[in-house]
Amino acid sequence: MEGRDNREVYLRADREISYGFVVRVMAEIKAAGVDKLGMVTEPIPEKKKGQ
């Protein structure tokens, strides 16, 4: 990331990845010099009435 003006990373992980692993990856990304770290998420499906 050295020499880049825009140091943004978007991280996406699914539910099969442990929370601890995601946190370690986030720490490594920040240590690499990333200024902005975003999380990509998906909305939770709405339940239909009566469920």
PDB file of N, CA and C in Angstrom:
ATOM      1  N   MET A   1       0.825  -1.188   0.000  1.00  0.00           N
ATOM      2  CA  MET A   1       0.000   0.000   0.000  1.00  0.00           C
ATOM      3  C   MET A   1       0.874   1.258   0.000  1.00  0.00           C
ATOM      4  N   GLU A   2       2.144   1.041   0.132  1.00  0.00           N
ATOM      5  CA  GLU A   2       3.063   2.178   0.178  1.00  0.00           C
ATOM      6  C   GLU A   2       3.019   2.950  -1.133  1.00  0.00           C
ATOM      7  N   GLY A   3       2.998   4.252  -1.050  1.00  0.00           N
ATOM      8  CA  GLY A   3       3.005   5.095  -2.220  1.00  0.00           C
ATOM      9  C   GLY A   3       1.634   5.349  -2.819  1.00  0.00           C
ATOM     10  N   ARG A   4       0.613   4.794  -2.234  1.00  0.00           N
ATOM     11  CA  ARG A   4      -0.749   5.001  -2.740  1.00  0.00           C
ATOM     12  C   ARG A   4      -1.419   6.108  -1.956  1.00  0.00           C
ATOM     13  N   ASP A   5      -2.197   6.925  -2.649  1.00  0.00           N
ATOM     14  CA  ASP A   5      -2.932   8.001  -1.987  1.00  0.00           C
ATOM     15  C   ASP A   5      -4.166   7.477  -1.270  1.00  0.00           C
ATOM     16  N   ASN A   6      -4.841   6.532  -1.887  1.00  0.00           N
ATOM     17  CA  ASN A   6      -6.084   6.007  -1.356  1.00  0.00           C
ATOM     18  C   ASN A   6      -5.807   4.652  -0.706  1.00  0.00           C
ATOM     19  N   ARG A   7      -5.778   4.620   0.606  1.00  0.00           N
ATOM     20  CA  ARG A   7      -5.478   3.380   1.321  1.00  0.00           C
ATOM     21  C   ARG A   7      -6.741   2.848   1.987  1.00  0.00           C
ATOM     22  N   GLU A   8      -7.663   2.371   1.169  1.00  0.00           N
ATOM     23  CA  GLU A   8      -8.928   1.819   1.644  1.00  0.00           C
ATOM     24  C   GLU A   8      -8.998   0.341   1.322  1.00  0.00           C
ATOM     25  N   VAL A   9      -9.522  -0.431   2.256  1.00  0.00           N
ATOM     26  CA  VAL A   9      -9.746  -1.852   2.044  1.00  0.00           C
ATOM     27  C   VAL A   9     -11.136  -2.181   2.563  1.00  0.00           C
ATOM     28  N   TYR A  10     -11.856  -3.012   1.813  1.00  0.00           N
ATOM     29  CA  TYR A  10     -13.166  -3.495   2.238  1.00  0.00           C
ATOM     30  C   TYR A  10     -13.045  -4.988   2.495  1.00  0.00           C
ATOM     31  N   LEU A  11     -13.390  -5.393   3.696  1.00  0.00           N
ATOM     32  CA  LEU A  11     -13.247  -6.779   4.124  1.00  0.00           C
ATOM     33  C   LEU A  11     -14.617  -7.450   4.160  1.00  0.00           C
ATOM     34  N   ARG A  12     -14.669  -8.653   3.608  1.00  0.00           N
ATOM     35  CA  ARG A  12     -15.906  -9.425   3.634  1.00  0.00           C
ATOM     36  C   ARG A  12     -15.568 -10.838   4.104  1.00  0.00           C
ATOM     37  N   ALA A  13     -16.315 -11.331   5.069  1.00  0.00           N
ATOM     38  CA  ALA A  13     -16.130 -12.690   5.570  1.00  0.00           C
ATOM     39  C   ALA A  13     -17.501 -13.308   5.791  1.00  0.00           C
ATOM     40  N   ASP A  14     -17.589 -14.615   5.611  1.00  0.00           N
ATOM     41  CA  ASP A  14     -18.888 -15.252   5.848  1.00  0.00           C
ATOM     42  C   ASP A  14     -18.934 -15.836   7.256  1.00  0.00           C
ATOM     43  N   ARG A  15     -20.061 -16.397   7.599  1.00  0.00           N
ATOM     44  CA  ARG A  15     -20.273 -16.875   8.971  1.00  0.00           C
ATOM     45  C   ARG A  15     -19.424 -18.087   9.321  1.00  0.00           C
ATOM     46  N   GLU A  16     -18.792 -18.706   8.333  1.00  0.00           N
ATOM     47  CA  GLU A  16     -17.946 -19.871   8.587  1.00  0.00           C
ATOM     48  C   GLU A  16     -16.579 -19.478   9.160  1.00  0.00           C
ATOM     49  N   ILE A  17     -16.207 -18.200   9.060  1.00  0.00           N
ATOM     50  CA  ILE A  17     -14.914 -17.717   9.551  1.00  0.00           C
ATOM     51  C   ILE A  17     -15.079 -17.263  10.998  1.00  0.00           C
ATOM     52  N   SER A  18     -14.151 -17.670  11.857  1.00  0.00           N
ATOM     53  CA  SER A  18     -14.265 -17.294  13.267  1.00  0.00           C
ATOM     54  C   SER A  18     -14.017 -15.795  13.445  1.00  0.00           C
ATOM     55  N   TYR A  19     -14.671 -15.240  14.450  1.00  0.00           N
ATOM     56  CA  TYR A  19     -14.533 -13.819  14.770  1.00  0.00           C
ATOM     57  C   TYR A  19     -13.066 -13.478  15.063  1.00  0.00           C
ATOM     58  N   GLY A  20     -12.390 -14.353  15.801  1.00  0.00           N
ATOM     59  CA  GLY A  20     -10.984 -14.109  16.141  1.00  0.00           C
ATOM     60  C   GLY A  20     -10.101 -13.996  14.910  1.00  0.00           C
ATOM     61  N   PHE A  21     -10.358 -14.830  13.911  1.00  0.00           N
ATOM     62  CA  PHE A  21      -9.575 -14.783  12.674  1.00  0.00           C
ATOM     63  C   PHE A  21      -9.808 -13.461  11.946  1.00  0.00           C
ATOM     64  N   VAL A  22     -11.070 -13.035  11.884  1.00  0.00           N
ATOM     65  CA  VAL A  22     -11.397 -11.769  11.217  1.00  0.00           C
ATOM     66  C   VAL A  22     -10.689 -10.605  11.921  1.00  0.00           C
ATOM     67  N   VAL A  23     -10.673 -10.614  13.239  1.00  0.00           N
ATOM     68  CA  VAL A  23     -10.004  -9.551  13.994  1.00  0.00           C
ATOM     69  C   VAL A  23      -8.502  -9.551  13.716  1.00  0.00           C
ATOM     70  N   ARG A  24      -7.893 -10.730  13.632  1.00  0.00           N
ATOM     71  CA  ARG A  24      -6.456 -10.797  13.324  1.00  0.00           C
ATOM     72  C   ARG A  24      -6.171 -10.246  11.933  1.00  0.00           C
ATOM     73  N   VAL A  25      -7.019 -10.588  10.964  1.00  0.00           N
ATOM     74  CA  VAL A  25      -6.843 -10.074   9.596  1.00  0.00           C
ATOM     75  C   VAL A  25      -6.987  -8.549   9.595  1.00  0.00           C
ATOM     76  N   MET A  26      -7.970  -8.038  10.322  1.00  0.00           N
ATOM     77  CA  MET A  26      -8.154  -6.586  10.408  1.00  0.00           C
ATOM     78  C   MET A  26      -6.914  -5.912  10.988  1.00  0.00           C
ATOM     79  N   ALA A  27      -6.328  -6.497  12.018  1.00  0.00           N
ATOM     80  CA  ALA A  27      -5.119  -5.940  12.633  1.00  0.00           C
ATOM     81  C   ALA A  27      -3.954  -5.930  11.635  1.00  0.00           C
ATOM     82  N   GLU A  28      -3.828  -6.995  10.856  1.00  0.00           N
ATOM     83  CA  GLU A  28      -2.749  -7.053   9.862  1.00  0.00           C
ATOM     84  C   GLU A  28      -2.950  -6.026   8.760  1.00  0.00           C
ATOM     85  N   ILE A  29      -4.197  -5.824   8.349  1.00  0.00           N
ATOM     86  CA  ILE A  29      -4.493  -4.823   7.321  1.00  0.00           C
ATOM     87  C   ILE A  29      -4.111  -3.439   7.821  1.00  0.00           C
ATOM     88  N   LYS A  30      -4.485  -3.119   9.048  1.00  0.00           N
ATOM     89  CA  LYS A  30      -4.151  -1.807   9.618  1.00  0.00           C
ATOM     90  C   LYS A  30      -2.631  -1.656   9.766  1.00  0.00           C
ATOM     91  N   ALA A  31      -1.948  -2.722  10.173  1.00  0.00           N
ATOM     92  CA  ALA A  31      -0.494  -2.676  10.320  1.00  0.00           C
ATOM     93  C   ALA A  31       0.205  -2.475   8.980  1.00  0.00           C
ATOM     94  N   ALA A  32      -0.453  -2.851   7.883  1.00  0.00           N
ATOM     95  CA  ALA A  32       0.117  -2.691   6.542  1.00  0.00           C
ATOM     96  C   ALA A  32      -0.004  -1.256   6.040  1.00  0.00           C
ATOM     97  N   GLY A  33      -0.628  -0.379   6.848  1.00  0.00           N
ATOM     98  CA  GLY A  33      -0.704   1.025   6.468  1.00  0.00           C
ATOM     99  C   GLY A  33      -2.028   1.461   5.870  1.00  0.00           C
ATOM    100  N   VAL A  34      -3.041   0.629   5.993  1.00  0.00           N
ATOM    101  CA  VAL A  34      -4.359   0.992   5.462  1.00  0.00           C
ATOM    102  C   VAL A  34      -4.987   2.046   6.372  1.00  0.00           C
ATOM    103  N   ASP A  35      -5.452   3.148   5.759  1.00  0.00           N
ATOM    104  CA  ASP A  35      -6.059   4.237   6.528  1.00  0.00           C
ATOM    105  C   ASP A  35      -7.522   3.968   6.845  1.00  0.00           C
ATOM    106  N   LYS A  36      -8.233   3.371   5.890  1.00  0.00           N
ATOM    107  CA  LYS A  36      -9.674   3.122   6.062  1.00  0.00           C
ATOM    108  C   LYS A  36      -9.957   1.648   5.813  1.00  0.00           C
ATOM    109  N   LEU A  37     -10.615   1.026   6.780  1.00  0.00           N
ATOM    110  CA  LEU A  37     -10.976  -0.379   6.674  1.00  0.00           C
ATOM    111  C   LEU A  37     -12.483  -0.488   6.840  1.00  0.00           C
ATOM    112  N   GLY A  38     -13.151  -0.951   5.804  1.00  0.00           N
ATOM    113  CA  GLY A  38     -14.604  -1.098   5.841  1.00  0.00           C
ATOM    114  C   GLY A  38     -14.997  -2.553   5.834  1.00  0.00           C
ATOM    115  N   MET A  39     -16.190  -2.821   6.347  1.00  0.00           N
ATOM    116  CA  MET A  39     -16.745  -4.172   6.356  1.00  0.00           C
ATOM    117  C   MET A  39     -17.888  -4.230   5.352  1.00  0.00           C
ATOM    118  N   VAL A  40     -17.873  -5.230   4.497  1.00  0.00           N
ATOM    119  CA  VAL A  40     -18.949  -5.450   3.541  1.00  0.00           C
ATOM    120  C   VAL A  40     -19.939  -6.390   4.220  1.00  0.00           C
ATOM    121  N   THR A  41     -21.204  -5.981   4.274  1.00  0.00           N
ATOM    122  CA  THR A  41     -22.221  -6.795   4.931  1.00  0.00           C
ATOM    123  C   THR A  41     -23.400  -7.027   3.999  1.00  0.00           C
ATOM    124  N   GLU A  42     -24.200  -8.004   4.343  1.00  0.00           N
ATOM    125  CA  GLU A  42     -25.433  -8.277   3.632  1.00  0.00           C
ATOM    126  C   GLU A  42     -26.581  -8.105   4.610  1.00  0.00           C
ATOM    127  N   PRO A  43     -27.697  -7.550   4.160  1.00  0.00           N
ATOM    128  CA  PRO A  43     -28.828  -7.379   5.062  1.00  0.00           C
ATOM    129  C   PRO A  43     -29.390  -8.731   5.504  1.00  0.00           C
ATOM    130  N   ILE A  44     -29.916  -8.769   6.726  1.00  0.00           N
ATOM    131  CA  ILE A  44     -30.568  -9.968   7.233  1.00  0.00           C
ATOM    132  C   ILE A  44     -31.948 -10.059   6.593  1.00  0.00           C
ATOM    133  N   PRO A  45     -32.283 -11.215   6.012  1.00  0.00           N
ATOM    134  CA  PRO A  45     -33.605 -11.339   5.369  1.00  0.00           C
ATOM    135  C   PRO A  45     -34.729 -11.108   6.387  1.00  0.00           C
ATOM    136  N   GLU A  46     -35.747 -10.398   5.951  1.00  0.00           N
ATOM    137  CA  GLU A  46     -36.883 -10.148   6.823  1.00  0.00           C
ATOM    138  C   GLU A  46     -37.746 -11.398   6.919  1.00  0.00           C
ATOM    139  N   LYS A  47     -38.292 -11.620   8.118  1.00  0.00           N
ATOM    140  CA  LYS A  47     -39.205 -12.751   8.300  1.00  0.00           C
ATOM    141  C   LYS A  47     -40.575 -12.360   7.778  1.00  0.00           C
ATOM    142  N   LYS A  48     -41.227 -13.325   7.158  1.00  0.00           N
ATOM    143  CA  LYS A  48     -42.588 -13.093   6.686  1.00  0.00           C
ATOM    144  C   LYS A  48     -43.534 -13.168   7.879  1.00  0.00           C
ATOM    145  N   LYS A  49     -44.684 -12.502   7.786  1.00  0.00           N
ATOM    146  CA  LYS A  49     -45.673 -12.541   8.856  1.00  0.00           C
ATOM    147  C   LYS A  49     -46.063 -13.989   9.150  1.00  0.00           C
ATOM    148  N   GLY A  50     -46.183 -14.288  10.434  1.00  0.00           N
ATOM    149  CA  GLY A  50     -46.579 -15.622  10.845  1.00  0.00           C
ATOM    150  C   GLY A  50     -45.425 -16.582  11.044  1.00  0.00           C
ATOM    151  N   GLN A  51     -44.210 -16.140  10.839  1.00  0.00           N
ATOM    152  CA  GLN A  51     -43.045 -17.017  11.046  1.00  0.00           C
ATOM    153  C   GLN A  51     -42.378 -16.739  12.359  1.00  0.00           C
TER     154      GLN A  51
END
